[in-house]
Amino acid sequence: MGKARDIQGQRFGALTAIQSTESNKNGYRIWLCRCDCGGEVAVDSRSLKRGSIKNCGCVPKGNARNGNRAEDLSGQRFGRLSVLCRTENRKGRTCWLCRCDCGRTCSITAHELKAGKVKSCGCIRRLNEKGIADISGKKFGILTAIYPLSRRDSKGSVYWHCHCACGSEADVTEDDLVSGNNRSCGCLKRQAQQDLQNRLHHIDGTCVELLENRKYRSDNTSGFRGVFCQKNGHFRVSIGFKGQRFNIGTYDSFEKAVEARLEAEEKIHNGFVRAYYRWQEICSTQAAGECSMLLFRVEKKNGELTVITNMEL
């Protein structure tokens, strides 16, 4: 079919075409029109050009089924349907153009909407036919399931397009929603990480709290952090600090290697923690801007690790 003709601004009876919608009816573009009475109605271009629709329904046709002017349902919700505006009548009944939560648009009579006979564009029925549980509109954490997608994960779980309370959107599997594995678009995790960072104290990239609560590395084959068993049976010892790794030495027994590592931790890691809290104590007694920067640097001179600091330890 060729490109839709632009009829914006043209009059058709009491109707003036305002703007084109993204919807079509039988291949003809639906236009939002304003009636001379002030009302609005969505009409397809063929009905406008043929003159079969000339007003928003404000002019009675003398049919008892038309009665008085129809109740305005625009902006109201019925199930998964949001009413957009009036559209052309069907068999003498007032119809409304609605957008379903799945994204589709459809024309529904006012009677069917208010009586609760129609609550979606038909996507709920299609879900049931495919054996997919309808979780649309349900909340999981701060995610609200909107509509299912055609894709599934490796386990066969259907992806649902979800709206997050933060305003973002995300595609999450039904399994992850129901199990609670996903409770947001990721904003809760980002906020938690930010809160954690705000609670931690870093000096030159070194975290005080992590040094205080350091644990053994699970990938260390020797059984102790910073001690590595070599092929010749000796043990190489090193220690990391402020993005650098310092070699402590090589020892012929595991016990001597551990002892050397503990001595280095006491001098460097524990010394840094003590210096930090001492520095905080001093800064708390001084006016803002008067506290000098904490100096704590490690250098290796003549095979020995030396600490240079401006704090008395």
Protein backbone atom coordinates (compact mmCIF):
# COMPACT_ATOMS: atom_id res chain seq x y z
CA MET A 1 0.00 0.00 0.00
CA GLY A 2 1.28 3.49 -0.85
CA LYS A 3 2.21 6.19 1.60
CA ALA A 4 -0.74 7.48 3.65
CA ARG A 5 -2.08 10.81 2.39
CA ASP A 6 -1.65 13.76 4.73
CA ILE A 7 -5.10 15.24 5.46
CA GLN A 8 -4.13 17.23 8.54
CA GLY A 9 -6.19 20.42 8.78
CA GLN A 10 -8.80 19.30 6.24
CA ARG A 11 -12.52 19.40 7.09
CA PHE A 12 -14.97 16.58 6.61
CA GLY A 13 -18.44 17.71 7.58
CA ALA A 14 -18.20 19.00 11.16
CA LEU A 15 -14.87 17.26 11.64
CA THR A 16 -11.35 18.69 11.20
CA ALA A 17 -8.43 16.26 10.99
CA ILE A 18 -5.95 17.19 13.76
CA GLN A 19 -3.25 14.57 13.69
CA SER A 20 -2.52 11.06 12.49
CA THR A 21 -2.39 8.23 15.00
CA GLU A 22 -0.16 5.17 14.76
CA SER A 23 -3.19 2.93 14.30
CA ASN A 24 -4.86 1.62 11.15
CA LYS A 25 -8.25 0.15 10.34
CA ASN A 26 -8.44 -2.22 7.39
CA GLY A 27 -5.28 -0.61 6.02
CA TYR A 28 -6.55 2.98 6.39
CA ARG A 29 -4.83 5.39 8.76
CA ILE A 30 -6.89 6.52 11.77
CA TRP A 31 -6.98 10.29 12.32
CA LEU A 32 -7.83 12.18 15.49
CA CYS A 33 -10.48 14.74 14.54
CA ARG A 34 -12.05 17.67 16.36
CA CYS A 35 -15.75 18.24 15.96
CA ASP A 36 -17.36 21.69 15.71
CA CYS A 37 -19.05 20.94 19.05
CA GLY A 38 -15.63 20.66 20.71
CA GLY A 39 -15.59 16.89 21.00
CA GLU A 40 -12.90 14.64 19.55
CA VAL A 41 -13.19 11.36 17.71
CA ALA A 42 -10.82 8.93 15.95
CA VAL A 43 -11.92 8.10 12.39
CA ASP A 44 -10.21 6.21 9.59
CA SER A 45 -9.38 8.16 6.44
CA ARG A 46 -11.76 6.15 4.25
CA SER A 47 -14.79 6.98 6.40
CA LEU A 48 -13.80 10.66 6.37
CA LYS A 49 -13.38 10.84 2.60
CA ARG A 50 -16.58 8.89 1.92
CA GLY A 51 -18.51 11.13 4.28
CA SER A 52 -19.91 8.23 6.28
CA ILE A 53 -18.63 9.91 9.48
CA LYS A 54 -19.28 13.67 9.64
CA ASN A 55 -19.37 14.41 13.37
CA CYS A 56 -18.28 13.01 16.73
CA GLY A 57 -21.74 11.58 17.40
CA CYS A 58 -23.14 14.78 18.83
CA VAL A 59 -25.83 14.91 16.10
CA PRO A 60 -28.49 12.23 16.83
CA LYS A 61 -29.57 10.01 13.95
CA GLY A 62 -33.08 9.59 15.28
CA ASN A 63 -32.28 6.09 16.41
CA ALA A 64 -33.49 5.12 19.87
CA ARG A 65 -30.20 3.34 20.49
CA ASN A 66 -28.30 6.62 20.16
CA GLY A 67 -30.24 8.43 22.85
CA ASN A 68 -28.58 11.49 24.39
CA ARG A 69 -24.96 12.47 23.91
CA ALA A 70 -22.63 9.68 24.98
CA GLU A 71 -20.86 9.74 28.36
CA ASP A 72 -17.23 10.84 28.04
CA LEU A 73 -14.99 7.86 28.93
CA SER A 74 -11.70 9.35 27.69
CA GLY A 75 -8.84 8.87 30.15
CA GLN A 76 -10.62 6.11 32.09
CA ARG A 77 -9.25 2.56 32.54
CA PHE A 78 -11.16 -0.68 32.14
CA GLY A 79 -9.03 -3.71 32.97
CA ARG A 80 -5.93 -3.47 30.76
CA LEU A 81 -7.54 -0.87 28.49
CA SER A 82 -6.96 2.90 28.63
CA VAL A 83 -9.58 4.92 26.77
CA LEU A 84 -8.05 7.39 24.32
CA CYS A 85 -10.95 9.06 22.50
CA ARG A 86 -14.23 8.50 20.65
CA THR A 87 -14.19 6.53 17.44
CA GLU A 88 -16.91 5.82 14.91
CA ASN A 89 -20.05 4.10 16.13
CA ARG A 90 -20.62 0.42 15.46
CA LYS A 91 -24.16 -0.84 14.85
CA GLY A 92 -25.59 2.24 16.49
CA ARG A 93 -23.47 1.93 19.63
CA THR A 94 -20.93 4.46 20.86
CA CYS A 95 -17.37 3.18 20.46
CA TRP A 96 -14.10 4.27 22.05
CA LEU A 97 -10.54 3.89 20.81
CA CYS A 98 -8.53 2.17 23.57
CA ARG A 99 -4.89 1.30 24.08
CA CYS A 100 -4.15 -2.00 25.76
CA ASP A 101 -1.26 -2.44 28.18
CA CYS A 102 0.33 -4.74 25.60
CA GLY A 103 0.63 -1.73 23.27
CA ARG A 104 -2.14 -2.56 20.80
CA THR A 105 -5.12 -0.28 20.07
CA CYS A 106 -8.71 -1.43 19.56
CA SER A 107 -12.24 -0.06 19.19
CA ILE A 108 -14.63 -1.12 21.99
CA THR A 109 -18.24 -0.14 22.61
CA ALA A 110 -19.01 1.89 25.72
CA HIS A 111 -21.42 -0.84 26.84
CA GLU A 112 -18.73 -3.54 26.68
CA LEU A 113 -16.28 -1.37 28.63
CA LYS A 114 -18.66 -0.33 31.42
CA ALA A 115 -20.18 -3.81 31.73
CA GLY A 116 -16.72 -5.35 32.08
CA LYS A 117 -17.26 -7.62 29.08
CA VAL A 118 -14.02 -6.54 27.43
CA LYS A 119 -10.87 -5.91 29.51
CA SER A 120 -8.12 -6.24 26.92
CA CYS A 121 -7.47 -6.19 23.19
CA GLY A 122 -7.65 -9.98 23.23
CA CYS A 123 -4.12 -10.59 24.48
CA ILE A 124 -5.41 -12.23 27.69
CA ARG A 125 -7.32 -14.80 25.65
CA ARG A 126 -4.25 -15.45 23.51
CA LEU A 127 -2.18 -15.97 26.68
CA ASN A 128 -4.61 -18.59 27.94
CA GLU A 129 -4.58 -20.34 24.56
CA LYS A 130 -0.78 -20.57 24.73
CA GLY A 131 -0.81 -21.83 28.32
CA ILE A 132 0.86 -18.67 29.64
CA ALA A 133 -0.14 -17.51 33.12
CA ASP A 134 -1.53 -13.98 33.10
CA ILE A 135 0.50 -11.91 35.57
CA SER A 136 -0.17 -8.60 33.84
CA GLY A 137 -0.76 -5.78 36.31
CA LYS A 138 0.79 -7.69 39.20
CA LYS A 139 3.64 -6.19 41.23
CA PHE A 140 6.89 -7.98 42.05
CA GLY A 141 9.00 -5.76 44.28
CA ILE A 142 8.82 -2.41 42.52
CA LEU A 143 8.27 -4.03 39.09
CA THR A 144 4.83 -4.23 37.50
CA ALA A 145 4.35 -6.84 34.76
CA ILE A 146 2.80 -5.19 31.67
CA TYR A 147 2.72 -7.70 28.81
CA PRO A 148 4.54 -10.90 27.74
CA LEU A 149 7.09 -11.08 24.94
CA SER A 150 7.44 -13.80 22.34
CA ARG A 151 10.86 -14.92 23.60
CA ARG A 152 11.69 -17.34 26.41
CA ASP A 153 14.86 -18.13 28.33
CA SER A 154 16.77 -21.41 28.15
CA LYS A 155 14.40 -22.94 30.73
CA GLY A 156 11.30 -21.96 28.77
CA SER A 157 10.22 -19.12 31.06
CA VAL A 158 8.39 -16.29 29.29
CA TYR A 159 9.88 -12.79 29.33
CA TRP A 160 7.55 -10.04 30.53
CA HIS A 161 7.93 -6.35 29.74
CA CYS A 162 7.79 -4.61 33.11
CA HIS A 163 7.50 -1.06 34.38
CA CYS A 164 9.71 -0.10 37.34
CA ALA A 165 8.63 2.36 40.01
CA CYS A 166 11.73 4.43 39.21
CA GLY A 167 10.28 5.12 35.76
CA SER A 168 12.45 2.73 33.76
CA GLU A 169 11.35 -0.42 31.95
CA ALA A 170 12.88 -3.90 31.86
CA ASP A 171 12.30 -7.35 30.35
CA VAL A 172 12.30 -10.05 33.05
CA THR A 173 11.36 -13.73 32.96
CA GLU A 174 8.29 -14.92 34.83
CA ASP A 175 10.47 -17.26 36.92
CA ASP A 176 12.68 -14.39 38.10
CA LEU A 177 9.64 -12.25 38.93
CA VAL A 178 7.76 -14.93 40.87
CA SER A 179 10.88 -16.20 42.70
CA GLY A 180 11.88 -12.68 43.70
CA ASN A 181 15.25 -12.85 41.93
CA ASN A 182 14.38 -9.60 40.13
CA ARG A 183 12.59 -6.93 42.16
CA SER A 184 13.55 -3.89 40.09
CA CYS A 185 15.08 -2.82 36.80
CA GLY A 186 18.43 -2.78 38.60
CA CYS A 187 17.93 0.52 40.40
CA LEU A 188 17.66 -1.13 43.84
CA LYS A 189 21.02 -2.86 43.36
CA ARG A 190 22.65 0.34 42.13
CA GLN A 191 21.25 2.23 45.11
CA ALA A 192 22.49 -0.45 47.53
CA GLN A 193 25.96 -0.31 45.98
CA GLN A 194 25.95 3.47 46.24
CA ASP A 195 24.87 3.29 49.89
CA LEU A 196 27.65 0.78 50.57
CA GLN A 197 30.21 3.05 48.95
CA ASN A 198 28.98 5.93 51.08
CA ARG A 199 29.51 3.85 54.23
CA LEU A 200 33.06 2.81 53.28
CA HIS A 201 36.11 5.00 53.69
CA HIS A 202 38.79 5.05 51.01
CA ILE A 203 42.24 6.60 51.19
CA ASP A 204 44.20 6.57 47.92
CA GLY A 205 42.00 3.72 46.69
CA THR A 206 42.49 1.64 49.85
CA CYS A 207 39.36 0.74 51.85
CA VAL A 208 39.79 0.91 55.62
CA GLU A 209 36.87 -1.44 56.37
CA LEU A 210 38.11 -4.14 53.97
CA LEU A 211 41.53 -4.16 55.63
CA GLU A 212 39.89 -4.47 59.04
CA ASN A 213 37.77 -7.43 57.93
CA ARG A 214 40.06 -9.11 55.38
CA LYS A 215 39.50 -12.78 54.64
CA TYR A 216 41.49 -15.65 53.19
CA ARG A 217 41.48 -15.93 49.41
CA SER A 218 39.72 -19.05 48.16
CA ASP A 219 42.16 -19.41 45.24
CA ASN A 220 45.29 -19.53 47.42
CA THR A 221 46.68 -23.07 47.27
CA SER A 222 49.04 -22.65 50.22
CA GLY A 223 46.23 -22.06 52.70
CA PHE A 224 47.28 -18.58 53.80
CA ARG A 225 46.83 -15.20 52.11
CA GLY A 226 49.88 -13.79 50.39
CA VAL A 227 51.84 -17.07 50.74
CA PHE A 228 52.45 -19.01 47.54
CA CYS A 229 53.99 -22.47 47.25
CA GLN A 230 56.62 -22.76 44.52
CA LYS A 231 57.58 -25.81 42.50
CA ASN A 232 60.84 -26.21 44.43
CA GLY A 233 58.91 -26.50 47.71
CA HIS A 234 59.78 -23.00 48.96
CA PHE A 235 57.20 -20.36 49.82
CA ARG A 236 57.11 -16.91 48.24
CA VAL A 237 55.48 -14.15 50.32
CA SER A 238 54.05 -10.84 49.11
CA ILE A 239 51.60 -8.18 50.27
CA GLY A 240 49.40 -5.73 48.38
CA PHE A 241 48.78 -2.12 49.36
CA LYS A 242 47.35 0.88 47.46
CA GLY A 243 47.41 -0.92 44.12
CA GLN A 244 51.00 -2.11 44.52
CA ARG A 245 52.36 -5.54 45.37
CA PHE A 246 55.49 -5.77 47.48
CA ASN A 247 57.66 -8.89 47.58
CA ILE A 248 58.52 -9.80 51.16
CA GLY A 249 60.80 -12.73 50.47
CA THR A 250 61.12 -16.50 49.91
CA TYR A 251 61.21 -19.00 52.81
CA ASP A 252 62.01 -22.69 53.07
CA SER A 253 59.14 -23.48 55.43
CA PHE A 254 55.46 -22.63 55.50
CA GLU A 255 55.65 -21.51 59.15
CA LYS A 256 58.38 -18.93 58.46
CA ALA A 257 56.47 -17.67 55.43
CA VAL A 258 53.28 -17.17 57.45
CA GLU A 259 55.22 -15.42 60.21
CA ALA A 260 56.75 -13.01 57.68
CA ARG A 261 53.37 -12.30 56.15
CA LEU A 262 51.80 -11.57 59.55
CA GLU A 263 54.61 -9.19 60.43
CA ALA A 264 54.08 -7.34 57.14
CA GLU A 265 50.31 -7.13 57.76
CA GLU A 266 50.91 -5.70 61.24
CA LYS A 267 53.28 -3.07 59.89
CA ILE A 268 51.35 -2.11 56.74
CA HIS A 269 47.66 -3.05 56.93
CA ASN A 270 47.10 -2.67 60.66
CA GLY A 271 49.45 0.30 60.73
CA PHE A 272 47.38 2.00 58.04
CA VAL A 273 44.13 1.39 59.95
CA ARG A 274 45.64 2.84 63.16
CA ALA A 275 46.99 5.84 61.25
CA TYR A 276 43.60 6.45 59.66
CA TYR A 277 41.68 6.50 62.96
CA ARG A 278 44.38 8.63 64.56
CA TRP A 279 44.09 11.05 61.64
CA GLN A 280 40.28 11.15 62.02
CA GLU A 281 40.66 11.86 65.74
CA ILE A 282 42.98 14.80 65.04
CA CYS A 283 40.75 16.21 62.27
CA SER A 284 37.69 16.12 64.54
CA THR A 285 39.33 18.69 66.82
CA GLN A 286 40.29 21.07 64.01
CA ALA A 287 38.28 23.55 61.99
CA ALA A 288 37.17 22.66 58.47
CA GLY A 289 39.99 23.05 55.97
CA GLU A 290 42.76 23.00 58.59
CA CYS A 291 43.27 19.23 58.67
CA SER A 292 46.22 18.05 56.57
CA MET A 293 46.04 15.01 54.29
CA LEU A 294 46.84 11.59 55.69
CA LEU A 295 50.27 10.39 54.57
CA PHE A 296 50.90 6.65 54.67
CA ARG A 297 53.29 5.28 52.06
CA VAL A 298 55.21 2.03 51.78
CA GLU A 299 58.68 1.81 50.25
CA LYS A 300 61.16 -1.03 49.96
CA LYS A 301 64.71 -0.05 50.86
CA ASN A 302 67.64 -2.45 51.15
CA GLY A 303 65.24 -5.41 51.00
CA GLU A 304 63.12 -4.09 53.90
CA LEU A 305 59.58 -2.67 53.76
CA THR A 306 59.49 0.81 55.30
CA VAL A 307 56.41 2.84 56.21
CA ILE A 308 56.46 6.61 55.77
CA THR A 309 53.61 8.41 57.58
CA ASN A 310 52.76 11.75 59.17
CA MET A 311 50.86 10.02 62.01
CA GLU A 312 52.40 8.87 65.27
CA LEU A 313 51.67 5.15 65.58
